[in-house]
């Protein structure tokens, strides 16, 4: 058995060594953590159901669907067969990686390709399957710059930092892989000219690199991701889906009536969130502890009668903060300057709420940033750590002004009537119920204006109603019905088959999502 990295590196340069090793292997087992055994077991049946689709011969688009990492490849394979069964001509491209931070020898990559080829064999009559390991030409300057930015975000996301050492091994690994992926994708796209590229995420890792390669080649690109709702998918055309661009949806639906039934659905959702419960198809809790009431909170935090400013932070390096700066450069810079501002304002009480999600992460905390900026926290300032037994909705009730980067808590503050200053490019910015500074001067001027007369800064009834209406559209209109969630993939594929998708009932439920996924235009105003 080959164990030496140096030996593997040398063998990787020699022709047919990986092929000989693979031929001599008895188990044909996964190589080095690259495991597609679930796909191997399911693919024959998926292929049979696709071949039997009554929609198979219908004319469709020439689609390139790209994925990397085991779990995304398995999910993408099912999506590729679904699109094939709906009449499209689909190529599934992949890179055989199981981890985005660990180097892999050329020898092992070649063995992984042989393994993947065996796994995909049952679908070869339906799908073209391509490896994107073969290098392409040097990248055009504009694409190279985009790939460098993707690589910076990869390091930020992995290390949960915003300041990246571009000499580090991690950044150099990400830059090399992203460059190779973009070059291979660009070469293939320019040669084959697909009608559309489909890719998960579209913002980071090789997903982002390939997304930008398609844009460089002038090919429409669709990106997709999964949020906290089972049975729903986020979709974006011509932008990374993680940016959650709701502009077209809101423009089409903001003037539609907002019914009592819709308002009640939002009310039930947020009541459940407040009490640390689960609502309908949402699988994630937003709070660890239920509300204890604002009076108990004020006593716990020893708050007096001075006004309260609440800053709700995101996780540093979270994918919903990357690339979202409007004027601050990044979230950390905004936090430091805001802490300095309020350290000198003892006429108000300032609370920084660290995102509860940090309790499950190992990277640097916003609490560390606060300790560096203010080693001795002034008496009028409070830090609520990620694991503190404090309900964020109690904090909202106690607050007079909210400050956010991109967290959805800002939208919920507005729903409570609080004036909210939004610094990052989040989906609800500039929707008619937030304050949206475009520069540092504007930011501090808005702070001064609000603090000078907090009662006058509260939202009008119309603005609060608009926030509620937008929340309904974001949670219940923006995500599209979709049968297979990434995080519940095994359960969902057991519950809903490709054959069901190709049926009349399946098409009634999911045709719109698959049309969007294939790049067909969507009219948000249509019903």
Protein backbone atom coordinates (compact mmCIF):
# COMPACT_ATOMS: atom_id res chain seq x y z
CA UNK A 1 0.00 0.00 0.00
CA UNK A 2 1.32 3.41 -0.96
CA UNK A 3 1.62 5.74 2.02
CA UNK A 4 4.52 8.11 1.35
CA UNK A 5 3.36 11.55 0.11
CA UNK A 6 6.67 11.93 -1.73
CA UNK A 7 6.23 8.56 -3.43
CA UNK A 8 2.67 9.46 -4.42
CA UNK A 9 3.87 12.77 -5.80
CA UNK A 10 6.47 11.03 -7.94
CA UNK A 11 4.07 8.33 -9.13
CA UNK A 12 1.47 10.96 -9.97
CA UNK A 13 3.77 12.26 -12.69
CA UNK A 14 4.13 8.86 -14.37
CA UNK A 15 1.54 7.66 -16.89
CA UNK A 16 -0.72 4.70 -16.03
CA UNK A 17 0.57 4.25 -12.47
CA UNK A 18 -2.78 5.16 -10.94
CA UNK A 19 -4.58 2.98 -13.47
CA UNK A 20 -2.35 0.00 -12.63
CA UNK A 21 -2.85 0.52 -8.90
CA UNK A 22 -6.61 0.70 -9.43
CA UNK A 23 -6.64 -2.46 -11.53
CA UNK A 24 -4.83 -4.33 -8.75
CA UNK A 25 -7.15 -3.12 -6.00
CA UNK A 26 -9.68 -5.75 -5.00
CA UNK A 27 -12.30 -3.71 -3.20
CA UNK A 28 -12.44 -0.72 -5.55
CA UNK A 29 -13.15 1.19 -2.35
CA UNK A 30 -13.16 4.98 -1.94
CA UNK A 31 -9.75 6.64 -1.98
CA UNK A 32 -8.52 8.94 0.78
CA UNK A 33 -11.88 10.09 2.08
CA UNK A 34 -13.45 10.72 -1.33
CA UNK A 35 -16.55 8.61 -0.80
CA UNK A 36 -19.55 8.28 -3.12
CA UNK A 37 -20.93 4.99 -1.82
CA UNK A 38 -24.42 6.37 -1.30
CA UNK A 39 -24.44 7.47 -4.91
CA UNK A 40 -23.06 4.12 -6.05
CA UNK A 41 -25.97 2.33 -4.34
CA UNK A 42 -28.69 4.69 -5.56
CA UNK A 43 -27.58 5.51 -9.10
CA UNK A 44 -28.83 2.37 -10.91
CA UNK A 45 -32.40 2.96 -9.70
CA UNK A 46 -32.20 6.70 -10.34
CA UNK A 47 -30.99 6.02 -13.88
CA UNK A 48 -33.81 3.54 -14.50
CA UNK A 49 -36.44 6.02 -13.35
CA UNK A 50 -34.91 8.74 -15.49
CA UNK A 51 -34.85 6.49 -18.56
CA UNK A 52 -38.57 5.82 -18.01
CA UNK A 53 -39.50 9.51 -17.74
CA UNK A 54 -42.35 10.47 -20.10
CA UNK A 55 -40.67 13.88 -20.48
CA UNK A 56 -37.27 12.53 -21.54
CA UNK A 57 -37.63 13.22 -25.26
CA UNK A 58 -38.93 16.76 -24.87
CA UNK A 59 -36.61 19.43 -26.24
CA UNK A 60 -34.60 21.24 -23.63
CA UNK A 61 -31.42 23.15 -22.90
CA UNK A 62 -27.77 22.16 -22.98
CA UNK A 63 -26.87 22.34 -19.30
CA UNK A 64 -23.53 22.17 -17.48
CA UNK A 65 -23.94 21.31 -13.81
CA UNK A 66 -20.76 21.52 -11.70
CA UNK A 67 -20.06 20.20 -8.19
CA UNK A 68 -17.22 19.26 -5.90
CA UNK A 69 -17.06 17.72 -2.39
CA UNK A 70 -18.71 14.33 -1.79
CA UNK A 71 -22.09 15.52 -0.54
CA UNK A 72 -22.55 18.16 -3.23
CA UNK A 73 -21.56 15.69 -5.97
CA UNK A 74 -24.17 13.17 -4.78
CA UNK A 75 -26.85 15.85 -4.65
CA UNK A 76 -25.83 17.30 -8.03
CA UNK A 77 -25.98 13.84 -9.63
CA UNK A 78 -29.63 13.51 -8.65
CA UNK A 79 -30.39 17.04 -9.87
CA UNK A 80 -28.62 16.28 -13.15
CA UNK A 81 -30.75 13.18 -13.69
CA UNK A 82 -33.88 15.13 -12.76
CA UNK A 83 -33.06 17.75 -15.38
CA UNK A 84 -32.26 15.01 -17.91
CA UNK A 85 -35.61 13.36 -17.22
CA UNK A 86 -37.29 16.73 -17.83
CA UNK A 87 -35.85 16.76 -21.35
CA UNK A 88 -32.57 18.66 -21.00
CA UNK A 89 -29.16 17.60 -22.33
CA UNK A 90 -27.01 17.57 -19.18
CA UNK A 91 -23.28 17.36 -18.53
CA UNK A 92 -22.27 16.78 -14.92
CA UNK A 93 -18.77 18.13 -14.24
CA UNK A 94 -16.96 17.47 -10.99
CA UNK A 95 -13.71 17.76 -9.09
CA UNK A 96 -12.86 14.76 -6.87
CA UNK A 97 -12.25 16.59 -3.59
CA UNK A 98 -13.62 15.69 -0.19
CA UNK A 99 -12.05 18.60 1.68
CA UNK A 100 -11.21 22.14 0.60
CA UNK A 101 -8.28 22.67 2.99
CA UNK A 102 -6.13 19.57 2.50
CA UNK A 103 -3.76 19.02 -0.45
CA UNK A 104 -4.18 15.85 -2.51
CA UNK A 105 -1.45 14.23 -4.60
CA UNK A 106 -1.89 13.87 -8.34
CA UNK A 107 -1.67 10.11 -7.89
CA UNK A 108 -4.62 10.05 -5.50
CA UNK A 109 -6.60 12.45 -7.67
CA UNK A 110 -6.20 10.10 -10.62
CA UNK A 111 -7.31 7.15 -8.49
CA UNK A 112 -10.33 9.14 -7.34
CA UNK A 113 -11.25 9.83 -10.96
CA UNK A 114 -11.17 6.10 -11.70
CA UNK A 115 -13.37 5.47 -8.68
CA UNK A 116 -15.82 8.19 -9.76
CA UNK A 117 -15.92 6.75 -13.28
CA UNK A 118 -17.06 3.42 -11.87
CA UNK A 119 -19.67 5.06 -9.65
CA UNK A 120 -21.14 7.07 -12.55
CA UNK A 121 -21.16 4.15 -15.00
CA UNK A 122 -24.90 3.29 -14.58
CA UNK A 123 -25.85 6.79 -15.80
CA UNK A 124 -23.52 6.96 -18.83
CA UNK A 125 -26.38 6.54 -21.30
CA UNK A 126 -28.17 9.54 -19.79
CA UNK A 127 -25.49 11.96 -18.62
CA UNK A 128 -22.15 13.13 -19.91
CA UNK A 129 -19.79 13.15 -16.92
CA UNK A 130 -16.65 15.27 -17.08
CA UNK A 131 -13.73 15.71 -14.70
CA UNK A 132 -12.44 19.27 -14.47
CA UNK A 133 -8.98 18.18 -13.33
CA UNK A 134 -7.35 18.80 -16.68
CA UNK A 135 -5.76 22.28 -16.62
CA UNK A 136 -6.71 25.02 -19.01
CA UNK A 137 -4.90 28.08 -20.33
CA UNK A 138 -3.86 31.05 -18.23
CA UNK A 139 -6.84 33.03 -16.99
CA UNK A 140 -7.79 36.39 -18.48
CA UNK A 141 -6.87 39.22 -16.09
CA UNK A 142 -10.46 39.99 -15.10
CA UNK A 143 -11.21 36.36 -14.28
CA UNK A 144 -7.91 35.97 -12.40
CA UNK A 145 -8.88 38.92 -10.20
CA UNK A 146 -12.28 37.35 -9.47
CA UNK A 147 -10.62 34.04 -8.59
CA UNK A 148 -8.24 35.80 -6.21
CA UNK A 149 -11.19 37.37 -4.42
CA UNK A 150 -12.92 33.99 -4.19
CA UNK A 151 -9.73 32.58 -2.64
CA UNK A 152 -9.63 35.38 -0.07
CA UNK A 153 -13.23 34.59 0.89
CA UNK A 154 -12.34 30.88 1.14
CA UNK A 155 -9.67 31.69 3.72
CA UNK A 156 -12.02 34.06 5.57
CA UNK A 157 -14.74 31.42 5.65
CA UNK A 158 -12.41 28.61 6.75
CA UNK A 159 -10.57 30.51 9.47
CA UNK A 160 -13.46 32.81 10.51
CA UNK A 161 -11.31 35.87 10.02
CA UNK A 162 -11.54 38.89 7.76
CA UNK A 163 -7.83 39.69 7.45
CA UNK A 164 -6.14 37.09 5.26
CA UNK A 165 -2.42 36.32 4.93
CA UNK A 166 -2.01 35.75 1.21
CA UNK A 167 1.34 34.01 1.82
CA UNK A 168 -0.35 31.36 3.96
CA UNK A 169 -0.55 27.73 2.84
CA UNK A 170 -4.33 27.81 3.02
CA UNK A 171 -4.69 30.83 0.74
CA UNK A 172 -2.14 29.47 -1.74
CA UNK A 173 -3.92 26.10 -1.82
CA UNK A 174 -7.27 27.77 -2.41
CA UNK A 175 -5.83 30.05 -5.09
CA UNK A 176 -4.25 27.12 -6.93
CA UNK A 177 -7.40 24.99 -6.85
CA UNK A 178 -9.71 27.83 -7.77
CA UNK A 179 -7.44 28.90 -10.63
CA UNK A 180 -7.27 25.36 -11.97
CA UNK A 181 -11.06 24.94 -11.70
CA UNK A 182 -11.76 28.25 -13.43
CA UNK A 183 -9.31 27.45 -16.24
CA UNK A 184 -10.75 23.99 -16.84
CA UNK A 185 -14.31 25.32 -16.76
CA UNK A 186 -13.51 28.19 -19.10
CA UNK A 187 -11.86 25.84 -21.60
CA UNK A 188 -14.85 23.46 -21.55
CA UNK A 189 -17.49 26.20 -21.69
CA UNK A 190 -15.82 28.00 -24.60
CA UNK A 191 -15.52 24.71 -26.51
CA UNK A 192 -19.01 23.34 -25.81
CA UNK A 193 -21.07 26.54 -25.40
CA UNK A 194 -23.76 25.27 -23.01
CA UNK A 195 -26.96 27.28 -22.67
CA UNK A 196 -26.56 27.59 -18.91
CA UNK A 197 -24.24 26.71 -16.02
CA UNK A 198 -25.75 25.48 -12.75
CA UNK A 199 -23.58 25.52 -9.64
CA UNK A 200 -24.15 25.34 -5.86
CA UNK A 201 -23.42 28.49 -3.83
CA UNK A 202 -21.65 30.49 -6.55
CA UNK A 203 -19.68 32.56 -4.05
CA UNK A 204 -16.86 30.53 -2.49
CA UNK A 205 -14.57 27.57 -3.25
CA UNK A 206 -14.44 26.08 -6.74
CA UNK A 207 -18.16 26.86 -7.00
CA UNK A 208 -17.36 30.57 -7.10
CA UNK A 209 -14.44 30.08 -9.48
CA UNK A 210 -16.53 28.14 -12.00
CA UNK A 211 -19.40 30.64 -11.66
CA UNK A 212 -17.06 33.47 -12.64
CA UNK A 213 -15.65 31.40 -15.51
CA UNK A 214 -19.14 31.10 -16.97
CA UNK A 215 -19.66 34.84 -16.66
CA UNK A 216 -16.30 35.42 -18.37
CA UNK A 217 -17.48 33.24 -21.26
CA UNK A 218 -20.84 35.03 -21.47
CA UNK A 219 -22.84 31.94 -20.48
CA UNK A 220 -25.83 32.46 -18.13
CA UNK A 221 -25.21 31.07 -14.64
CA UNK A 222 -27.64 29.83 -12.01
CA UNK A 223 -26.60 29.23 -8.40
CA UNK A 224 -28.52 27.44 -5.67
CA UNK A 225 -28.31 26.75 -1.95
CA UNK A 226 -30.43 25.46 0.92
CA UNK A 227 -31.55 27.43 3.95
CA UNK A 228 -33.28 26.49 7.18
CA UNK A 229 -36.50 25.23 5.56
CA UNK A 230 -36.95 21.64 4.49
CA UNK A 231 -38.59 21.26 1.10
CA UNK A 232 -37.30 24.63 -0.13
CA UNK A 233 -34.38 25.85 -2.26
CA UNK A 234 -32.82 29.27 -2.80
CA UNK A 235 -32.19 30.07 -6.46
CA UNK A 236 -30.41 32.97 -8.16
CA UNK A 237 -29.85 33.73 -11.82
CA UNK A 238 -26.70 35.67 -12.76
CA UNK A 239 -25.60 36.20 -9.15
CA UNK A 240 -24.23 34.08 -6.30
CA UNK A 241 -27.28 32.87 -4.41
CA UNK A 242 -25.64 33.60 -1.04
CA UNK A 243 -26.13 37.32 -1.76
CA UNK A 244 -29.88 36.64 -1.45
CA UNK A 245 -30.86 39.27 -4.00
CA UNK A 246 -34.58 39.77 -3.42
CA UNK A 247 -34.88 42.99 -5.44
CA UNK A 248 -36.94 41.53 -8.32
CA UNK A 249 -39.19 39.59 -5.97
CA UNK A 250 -39.86 42.62 -3.75
CA UNK A 251 -40.37 44.99 -6.67
CA UNK A 252 -43.05 42.66 -8.05
CA UNK A 253 -44.84 41.94 -4.76
CA UNK A 254 -44.38 44.91 -2.43
CA UNK A 255 -47.57 46.57 -3.66
CA UNK A 256 -49.65 43.40 -3.46
CA UNK A 257 -52.16 43.16 -0.61
CA UNK A 258 -50.76 41.76 2.64
CA UNK A 259 -53.58 39.67 4.04
CA UNK A 260 -54.47 38.93 7.65
CA UNK A 261 -53.73 35.26 7.01
CA UNK A 262 -50.24 36.11 5.76
CA UNK A 263 -49.62 38.38 8.75
CA UNK A 264 -50.75 35.60 11.08
CA UNK A 265 -48.32 33.17 9.46
CA UNK A 266 -45.43 35.58 10.10
CA UNK A 267 -46.66 36.15 13.65
CA UNK A 268 -46.66 32.40 14.33
CA UNK A 269 -43.18 32.02 12.85
CA UNK A 270 -41.65 34.70 15.04
CA UNK A 271 -43.54 33.65 18.16
CA UNK A 272 -42.01 30.21 17.70
CA UNK A 273 -38.54 31.69 17.17
CA UNK A 274 -38.92 33.81 20.29
CA UNK A 275 -39.74 30.78 22.39
CA UNK A 276 -36.84 28.69 21.02
CA UNK A 277 -39.14 26.33 19.14
CA UNK A 278 -39.40 24.90 15.62
CA UNK A 279 -41.93 26.23 13.12
CA UNK A 280 -43.49 24.01 10.46
CA UNK A 281 -40.79 22.94 7.96
CA UNK A 282 -37.97 24.95 9.62
CA UNK A 283 -35.42 22.54 11.08
CA UNK A 284 -33.20 24.97 13.01
CA UNK A 285 -33.81 26.83 16.27
CA UNK A 286 -32.73 30.48 16.42
CA UNK A 287 -32.54 30.68 20.22
CA UNK A 288 -31.29 28.32 22.90
CA UNK A 289 -33.46 29.78 25.66
CA UNK A 290 -37.06 31.03 25.51
CA UNK A 291 -38.01 34.58 26.31
CA UNK A 292 -37.94 35.49 30.00
CA UNK A 293 -39.45 38.95 29.57
CA UNK A 294 -37.88 42.37 29.28
CA UNK A 295 -37.95 43.18 33.00
CA UNK A 296 -36.01 40.05 33.90
CA UNK A 297 -33.56 40.82 31.12
CA UNK A 298 -33.01 44.38 32.36
CA UNK A 299 -32.33 43.03 35.82
CA UNK A 300 -29.97 40.34 34.49
CA UNK A 301 -27.93 42.89 32.53
CA UNK A 302 -28.26 45.60 35.21
CA UNK A 303 -29.70 48.12 32.78
CA UNK A 304 -30.89 51.50 34.04
CA UNK A 305 -33.25 54.03 32.47
CA UNK A 306 -30.84 55.34 29.84
CA UNK A 307 -31.68 54.44 26.23
CA UNK A 308 -30.38 51.12 24.93
CA UNK A 309 -28.53 50.58 21.63
CA UNK A 310 -28.40 46.94 20.49
CA UNK A 311 -25.74 45.76 18.02
CA UNK A 312 -26.43 42.24 16.75
CA UNK A 313 -23.26 40.81 15.22
CA UNK A 314 -22.82 38.14 12.58
CA UNK A 315 -20.31 35.32 12.87
CA UNK A 316 -16.96 36.59 11.56
CA UNK A 317 -16.25 35.03 8.16
CA UNK A 318 -19.75 33.60 7.79
CA UNK A 319 -20.81 33.06 4.18
CA UNK A 320 -23.65 35.55 4.66
CA UNK A 321 -21.14 38.31 5.46
CA UNK A 322 -18.50 37.64 2.79
CA UNK A 323 -18.44 40.23 0.05
CA UNK A 324 -21.21 42.22 1.75
CA UNK A 325 -19.35 45.42 2.70
CA UNK A 326 -20.92 48.66 1.51
CA UNK A 327 -18.41 51.19 2.88
CA UNK A 328 -16.73 49.64 5.92
CA UNK A 329 -14.41 47.20 4.13
CA UNK A 330 -15.50 44.38 6.43
CA UNK A 331 -17.57 43.71 9.54
CA UNK A 332 -14.60 43.78 11.95
CA UNK A 333 -13.64 47.32 10.97
CA UNK A 334 -17.23 48.45 11.47
CA UNK A 335 -17.34 46.79 14.90
CA UNK A 336 -14.11 48.46 16.05
CA UNK A 337 -15.16 51.94 14.97
CA UNK A 338 -18.61 51.49 16.47
CA UNK A 339 -17.13 50.35 19.80
CA UNK A 340 -14.91 53.45 19.85
CA UNK A 341 -17.92 55.67 19.15
CA UNK A 342 -20.03 54.26 21.97
CA UNK A 343 -17.19 54.05 24.47
CA UNK A 344 -17.43 57.86 24.55
CA UNK A 345 -21.26 57.93 24.76
CA UNK A 346 -22.19 57.15 28.34
CA UNK A 347 -25.52 58.91 27.84
CA UNK A 348 -26.75 55.60 26.36
CA UNK A 349 -26.28 51.93 27.19
CA UNK A 350 -24.71 49.80 24.50
CA UNK A 351 -25.22 46.04 24.16
CA UNK A 352 -23.27 43.90 21.70
CA UNK A 353 -24.97 40.57 21.11
CA UNK A 354 -22.49 37.96 19.81
CA UNK A 355 -24.20 35.65 17.34
CA UNK A 356 -25.46 32.50 19.15
CA UNK A 357 -24.09 30.41 16.26
CA UNK A 358 -20.55 31.08 17.49
CA UNK A 359 -21.02 28.62 20.32
CA UNK A 360 -20.63 25.74 17.83
CA UNK A 361 -17.51 27.14 16.13
CA UNK A 362 -13.83 27.06 16.96
CA UNK A 363 -12.58 30.22 15.23
CA UNK A 364 -12.03 33.70 16.62
CA UNK A 365 -15.03 35.26 18.32
CA UNK A 366 -16.51 38.74 18.12
CA UNK A 367 -15.97 38.66 21.88
CA UNK A 368 -12.20 38.48 21.22
CA UNK A 369 -12.46 41.53 18.98
CA UNK A 370 -14.29 43.43 21.74
CA UNK A 371 -11.63 42.46 24.30
CA UNK A 372 -8.87 43.70 21.99
CA UNK A 373 -10.64 46.97 21.21
CA UNK A 374 -11.77 47.66 24.79
CA UNK A 375 -9.69 45.64 27.30
CA UNK A 376 -11.77 47.20 30.07
CA UNK A 377 -15.36 47.49 28.97
CA UNK A 378 -16.90 50.80 30.12
CA UNK A 379 -19.70 50.53 32.65
CA UNK A 380 -22.40 51.59 30.19
CA UNK A 381 -21.48 48.85 27.71
CA UNK A 382 -22.50 45.19 27.84
CA UNK A 383 -21.28 42.12 25.97
CA UNK A 384 -23.71 39.21 25.61
CA UNK A 385 -21.61 36.22 24.59
CA UNK A 386 -22.71 33.46 22.22
CA UNK A 387 -23.42 31.00 25.02
CA UNK A 388 -25.03 33.40 27.49
CA UNK A 389 -28.60 32.36 28.44
CA UNK A 390 -30.13 35.50 26.96
CA UNK A 391 -32.94 35.55 24.41
CA UNK A 392 -32.26 37.96 21.54
CA UNK A 393 -35.95 38.91 21.34
CA UNK A 394 -35.86 40.17 24.92
CA UNK A 395 -32.90 42.33 23.88
CA UNK A 396 -34.93 43.71 20.98
CA UNK A 397 -37.77 44.60 23.33
CA UNK A 398 -35.36 46.45 25.63
CA UNK A 399 -33.65 48.37 22.80
CA UNK A 400 -34.30 51.83 21.39
CA UNK A 401 -31.97 51.60 18.37
CA UNK A 402 -30.60 48.64 16.41
CA UNK A 403 -27.29 48.26 14.55
CA UNK A 404 -26.61 45.33 12.21
CA UNK A 405 -24.30 44.18 9.45
CA UNK A 406 -26.34 41.52 7.60
CA UNK A 407 -28.12 39.46 10.27
CA UNK A 408 -31.85 38.89 9.86
CA UNK A 409 -32.26 40.21 13.41
CA UNK A 410 -32.21 43.68 11.84
CA UNK A 411 -35.40 42.91 9.94
CA UNK A 412 -36.98 41.63 13.16
CA UNK A 413 -35.99 44.83 14.96
CA UNK A 414 -37.81 46.83 12.28
CA UNK A 415 -40.84 44.59 12.69
CA UNK A 416 -40.86 45.71 16.33
CA UNK A 417 -40.74 49.38 15.33
CA UNK A 418 -37.09 49.96 16.15
CA UNK A 419 -35.03 52.24 13.94
CA UNK A 420 -32.31 50.01 12.45
CA UNK A 421 -29.06 51.13 10.85
CA UNK A 422 -27.93 48.51 8.31
CA UNK A 423 -24.24 48.60 7.35
CA UNK A 424 -23.80 45.48 5.18
CA UNK A 425 -25.38 44.60 1.85
CA UNK A 426 -28.10 42.36 3.27
CA UNK A 427 -31.24 41.27 1.45
CA UNK A 428 -33.56 43.64 3.36
CA UNK A 429 -31.40 46.76 2.96
CA UNK A 430 -33.15 49.56 1.06
CA UNK A 431 -36.55 47.89 1.27
CA UNK A 432 -38.18 50.90 2.87
CA UNK A 433 -37.90 50.19 6.60
CA UNK A 434 -34.20 50.56 7.49
CA UNK A 435 -31.57 53.31 7.60
CA UNK A 436 -28.91 52.53 5.00
CA UNK A 437 -25.75 54.66 5.22
CA UNK A 438 -23.44 54.65 2.20
CA UNK A 439 -20.30 56.11 3.84
CA UNK A 440 -18.63 56.49 7.24
CA UNK A 441 -19.73 60.13 7.44
CA UNK A 442 -23.29 59.12 6.65
CA UNK A 443 -23.16 56.32 9.23
CA UNK A 444 -22.02 58.51 12.11
CA UNK A 445 -24.41 61.28 11.05
CA UNK A 446 -27.31 58.83 11.21
CA UNK A 447 -26.16 57.64 14.62
CA UNK A 448 -26.06 61.20 15.90
CA UNK A 449 -29.51 62.01 14.47
CA UNK A 450 -31.13 58.92 15.97
CA UNK A 451 -29.51 59.35 19.40
CA UNK A 452 -30.56 62.99 19.51
CA UNK A 453 -34.25 62.03 19.40
CA UNK A 454 -34.84 58.28 19.71
CA UNK A 455 -38.67 58.52 20.02
CA UNK A 456 -38.83 60.45 16.75
CA UNK A 457 -36.56 57.89 15.09
CA UNK A 458 -39.00 55.01 15.67
CA UNK A 459 -40.59 53.56 12.58
CA UNK A 460 -43.99 54.68 11.38
CA UNK A 461 -46.91 52.28 11.29
CA UNK A 462 -46.53 52.05 7.50
CA UNK A 463 -42.84 51.17 7.81
CA UNK A 464 -43.56 48.46 10.39
CA UNK A 465 -46.25 47.00 8.13
CA UNK A 466 -43.81 47.05 5.24
CA UNK A 467 -41.25 45.14 7.35
CA UNK A 468 -43.86 42.48 8.19
CA UNK A 469 -44.91 42.23 4.56
CA UNK A 470 -41.31 41.88 3.40
CA UNK A 471 -40.66 39.17 6.05
CA UNK A 472 -43.56 37.17 4.67
CA UNK A 473 -42.27 37.45 1.11
CA UNK A 474 -38.71 36.56 2.14
CA UNK A 475 -39.59 33.48 4.18
CA UNK A 476 -42.53 32.13 2.19
CA UNK A 477 -42.22 33.40 -1.41
CA UNK A 478 -38.48 33.70 -2.05
CA UNK A 479 -37.54 30.02 -1.33
CA UNK A 480 -38.95 27.72 -3.99
CA UNK A 481 -40.50 24.29 -3.32
CA UNK A 482 -37.90 21.58 -3.96
CA UNK A 483 -37.98 17.88 -3.05
CA UNK A 484 -34.40 17.20 -1.88
CA UNK A 485 -32.65 19.30 0.77
CA UNK A 486 -28.87 18.90 1.00
CA UNK A 487 -28.85 18.37 4.79
CA UNK A 488 -31.67 15.79 4.72
CA UNK A 489 -30.72 14.18 1.45
CA UNK A 490 -31.02 10.50 2.41
CA UNK A 491 -34.42 10.99 4.05
CA UNK A 492 -35.73 13.17 1.24
CA UNK A 493 -34.71 10.75 -1.52
CA UNK A 494 -36.45 7.95 0.35
CA UNK A 495 -39.60 10.07 0.63
CA UNK A 496 -39.70 11.42 -2.94
CA UNK A 497 -38.39 9.68 -6.04
CA UNK A 498 -37.46 10.82 -9.52
CA UNK A 499 -40.46 8.91 -10.84
CA UNK A 500 -42.69 11.06 -8.64
CA UNK A 501 -41.02 14.21 -9.94
CA UNK A 502 -41.77 13.21 -13.52
CA UNK A 503 -45.45 12.59 -12.72
CA UNK A 504 -48.21 15.14 -13.20
CA UNK A 505 -48.43 15.76 -9.46
CA UNK A 506 -44.66 16.18 -9.15
CA UNK A 507 -44.61 18.64 -12.02
CA UNK A 508 -47.41 20.67 -10.45
CA UNK A 509 -45.41 20.97 -7.23
CA UNK A 510 -41.86 21.41 -8.52
CA UNK A 511 -41.86 22.40 -12.20
CA UNK A 512 -41.29 26.07 -11.41
CA UNK A 513 -38.15 25.40 -9.35
CA UNK A 514 -36.63 23.18 -12.03
CA UNK A 515 -37.47 25.73 -14.72
CA UNK A 516 -35.63 28.36 -12.69
CA UNK A 517 -32.76 25.97 -12.10
CA UNK A 518 -32.47 25.48 -15.86
CA UNK A 519 -32.16 29.23 -16.33
CA UNK A 520 -35.65 29.95 -17.63
CA UNK A 521 -36.82 33.48 -16.76
CA UNK A 522 -39.18 33.83 -13.83
CA UNK A 523 -41.88 36.46 -13.52
CA UNK A 524 -42.33 37.16 -9.81
CA UNK A 525 -45.55 38.96 -10.60
CA UNK A 526 -47.13 35.86 -12.15
CA UNK A 527 -49.28 33.43 -10.18
